[in-house]
Amino acid sequence: MTDEVVSSAPPGDGAGFVEWVRPHLPAMARLAARLAVGADRDDIVQESLARAWSKRSQYDADRGTASAWLLAITADQARKSVRRLRPVAELDDHDGPVSRPDLDARMDVDHALATLSARQRLAVDCYYFADLSIADTAAVMGCSEGTVKSTLSDARARLRTLLEVTE
């Protein structure tokens, strides 16, 4: 996690705002992709940026970093996007299944993550996949740092039992 220079407010002009959010775009994209599988992450980031622009006067540097504020907006937009997703008709299998160990391992992890509670998934996604600090994860989740630590501990324990390799 890189140290962040805290500015008092996002700039009111478009070019300044772009420069203000630019360092946070990769984390926003990672979080959107993790929280809204099947949705277009770029659309989510774009909706998040539009929301941040319209609400820029509400940003308060005393309450948290710009990163945490932008990622909280992104998490909210990702949840909205998931609710809008419609089931897609399944395609018929024309070819037999192809075994790919790398994909199988990824699917095991994704399946294990899907069994976590929504709160645990958000904590894991923010801390491990969006590379947020405990403090920023707490700001995104709207809870204390101790709650984040406890939630991550519970999530790791659950994942450990689900992903144990038996030989």
Protein backbone atom coordinates (compact mmCIF):
# COMPACT_ATOMS: atom_id res chain seq x y z
CA MET A 1 0.00 0.00 0.00
CA THR A 2 1.43 3.32 -0.98
CA ASP A 3 1.29 6.41 1.18
CA GLU A 4 -1.30 8.83 0.01
CA VAL A 5 -1.19 12.60 0.07
CA VAL A 6 -4.49 13.70 1.57
CA SER A 7 -5.99 16.71 -0.11
CA SER A 8 -8.78 18.70 1.48
CA ALA A 9 -11.27 18.19 -1.35
CA PRO A 10 -11.46 16.98 -4.91
CA PRO A 11 -10.83 19.77 -7.41
CA GLY A 12 -13.91 21.40 -8.86
CA ASP A 13 -12.61 21.47 -12.42
CA GLY A 14 -12.71 18.44 -14.70
CA ALA A 15 -8.97 18.20 -15.38
CA GLY A 16 -8.11 18.53 -11.71
CA PHE A 17 -10.66 15.89 -10.78
CA VAL A 18 -9.19 13.50 -13.36
CA GLU A 19 -5.73 13.92 -11.85
CA TRP A 20 -7.18 13.50 -8.34
CA VAL A 21 -8.82 10.14 -9.15
CA ARG A 22 -6.20 8.78 -11.57
CA PRO A 23 -4.05 7.02 -8.91
CA HIS A 24 -7.14 5.22 -7.59
CA LEU A 25 -8.47 3.86 -10.90
CA PRO A 26 -6.62 0.49 -10.79
CA ALA A 27 -7.94 -0.27 -7.29
CA MET A 28 -11.44 0.80 -8.32
CA ALA A 29 -11.31 -1.53 -11.34
CA ARG A 30 -10.02 -4.46 -9.25
CA LEU A 31 -12.73 -3.98 -6.64
CA ALA A 32 -15.47 -3.66 -9.27
CA ALA A 33 -14.30 -6.86 -10.98
CA ARG A 34 -14.21 -8.75 -7.66
CA LEU A 35 -17.58 -7.57 -6.38
CA ALA A 36 -19.58 -7.76 -9.61
CA VAL A 37 -18.50 -10.88 -11.45
CA GLY A 38 -20.34 -10.99 -14.74
CA ALA A 39 -20.89 -7.24 -14.92
CA ASP A 40 -18.75 -4.85 -16.94
CA ARG A 41 -16.18 -3.50 -14.50
CA ASP A 42 -15.45 -0.50 -16.70
CA ASP A 43 -19.12 0.49 -16.60
CA ILE A 44 -19.06 0.21 -12.82
CA VAL A 45 -15.94 2.37 -12.57
CA GLN A 46 -17.48 4.91 -14.93
CA GLU A 47 -20.69 5.03 -12.87
CA SER A 48 -18.56 5.38 -9.73
CA LEU A 49 -16.63 8.27 -11.20
CA ALA A 50 -19.83 10.01 -12.28
CA ARG A 51 -21.21 9.55 -8.77
CA ALA A 52 -17.97 10.82 -7.20
CA TRP A 53 -18.03 13.87 -9.48
CA SER A 54 -21.61 14.72 -8.56
CA LYS A 55 -20.94 14.17 -4.83
CA ARG A 56 -17.42 15.67 -4.72
CA SER A 57 -18.54 18.42 -2.36
CA GLN A 58 -19.42 15.74 0.22
CA TYR A 59 -15.87 14.35 0.43
CA ASP A 60 -14.37 15.00 3.85
CA ALA A 61 -10.65 14.28 4.23
CA ASP A 62 -11.07 14.18 8.02
CA ARG A 63 -13.27 11.08 7.67
CA GLY A 64 -10.93 9.08 5.45
CA THR A 65 -8.67 8.99 2.44
CA ALA A 66 -9.70 9.72 -1.12
CA SER A 67 -9.01 6.07 -1.91
CA ALA A 68 -11.41 4.82 0.75
CA TRP A 69 -14.10 7.29 -0.35
CA LEU A 70 -13.80 6.34 -4.02
CA LEU A 71 -13.71 2.61 -3.24
CA ALA A 72 -16.79 2.89 -1.04
CA ILE A 73 -18.62 4.47 -3.98
CA THR A 74 -17.28 1.73 -6.27
CA ALA A 75 -18.46 -1.01 -3.88
CA ASP A 76 -21.91 0.57 -3.78
CA GLN A 77 -22.10 0.82 -7.57
CA ALA A 78 -20.91 -2.81 -7.91
CA ARG A 79 -23.71 -3.98 -5.58
CA LYS A 80 -26.24 -2.06 -7.66
CA SER A 81 -24.85 -3.58 -10.85
CA VAL A 82 -25.16 -7.12 -9.46
CA ARG A 83 -28.81 -6.49 -8.60
CA ARG A 84 -29.44 -5.42 -12.20
CA LEU A 85 -27.85 -8.53 -13.71
CA ARG A 86 -30.27 -10.87 -15.37
CA PRO A 87 -29.68 -14.59 -15.73
CA VAL A 88 -28.14 -15.49 -19.06
CA ALA A 89 -29.41 -18.53 -20.95
CA GLU A 90 -26.98 -21.40 -20.74
CA LEU A 91 -25.26 -22.51 -23.91
CA ASP A 92 -25.36 -26.12 -24.98
CA ASP A 93 -22.13 -28.03 -24.57
CA HIS A 94 -20.73 -28.74 -28.02
CA ASP A 95 -17.36 -29.88 -26.86
CA GLY A 96 -16.37 -32.05 -23.95
CA PRO A 97 -14.94 -30.43 -20.85
CA VAL A 98 -11.32 -29.41 -21.06
CA SER A 99 -9.24 -29.80 -17.93
CA ARG A 100 -7.09 -26.80 -17.03
CA PRO A 101 -5.38 -27.06 -13.63
CA ASP A 102 -4.86 -23.28 -13.40
CA LEU A 103 -8.53 -22.60 -14.12
CA ASP A 104 -9.67 -25.40 -11.81
CA ALA A 105 -7.63 -23.95 -8.93
CA ARG A 106 -9.04 -20.47 -9.62
CA MET A 107 -12.57 -21.89 -9.65
CA ASP A 108 -11.93 -23.58 -6.28
CA VAL A 109 -10.85 -20.26 -4.77
CA ASP A 110 -13.76 -18.40 -6.36
CA HIS A 111 -16.18 -21.03 -5.06
CA ALA A 112 -14.68 -20.82 -1.57
CA LEU A 113 -14.92 -17.01 -1.63
CA ALA A 114 -18.56 -17.27 -2.71
CA THR A 115 -19.36 -19.22 0.47
CA LEU A 116 -18.23 -16.33 2.68
CA SER A 117 -20.78 -13.90 4.04
CA ALA A 118 -21.19 -10.65 2.10
CA ARG A 119 -19.33 -8.76 4.84
CA GLN A 120 -16.43 -11.23 4.81
CA ARG A 121 -16.22 -11.11 0.98
CA LEU A 122 -16.14 -7.32 1.04
CA ALA A 123 -13.35 -7.33 3.63
CA VAL A 124 -11.31 -9.89 1.67
CA ASP A 125 -11.87 -8.08 -1.62
CA CYS A 126 -10.88 -4.71 -0.20
CA TYR A 127 -7.86 -5.90 1.79
CA TYR A 128 -6.42 -8.58 -0.47
CA PHE A 129 -7.62 -7.77 -3.98
CA ALA A 130 -7.90 -3.97 -3.90
CA ASP A 131 -4.78 -3.74 -1.68
CA LEU A 132 -6.37 -1.40 0.86
CA SER A 133 -5.02 -0.92 4.35
CA ILE A 134 -7.04 -2.02 7.37
CA ALA A 135 -8.02 1.63 7.97
CA ASP A 136 -9.20 2.14 4.38
CA THR A 137 -11.04 -1.19 4.40
CA ALA A 138 -12.80 -0.06 7.58
CA ALA A 139 -13.79 3.19 5.86
CA VAL A 140 -15.19 1.31 2.86
CA MET A 141 -17.09 -1.11 5.10
CA GLY A 142 -18.27 1.60 7.48
CA CYS A 143 -16.97 -0.13 10.60
CA SER A 144 -14.03 -0.04 13.03
CA GLU A 145 -10.56 -1.36 12.26
CA GLY A 146 -11.01 -4.04 14.93
CA THR A 147 -14.13 -5.27 13.17
CA VAL A 148 -12.19 -5.51 9.90
CA LYS A 149 -9.43 -7.52 11.59
CA SER A 150 -11.96 -9.85 13.18
CA THR A 151 -13.89 -10.25 9.92
CA LEU A 152 -10.68 -11.03 8.00
CA SER A 153 -9.63 -13.55 10.65
CA ASP A 154 -13.00 -15.32 10.42
CA ALA A 155 -12.83 -15.29 6.62
CA ARG A 156 -9.30 -16.73 6.58
CA ALA A 157 -10.34 -19.51 8.98
CA ARG A 158 -13.32 -20.38 6.77
CA LEU A 159 -11.21 -20.32 3.60
CA ARG A 160 -8.49 -22.41 5.24
CA THR A 161 -10.95 -25.23 5.94
CA LEU A 162 -12.52 -25.01 2.47
CA LEU A 163 -9.24 -24.96 0.57
CA GLU A 164 -7.31 -27.58 2.54
CA VAL A 165 -5.57 -30.03 0.25
CA THR A 166 -6.14 -33.66 1.15
CA GLU A 167 -3.92 -36.30 -0.36
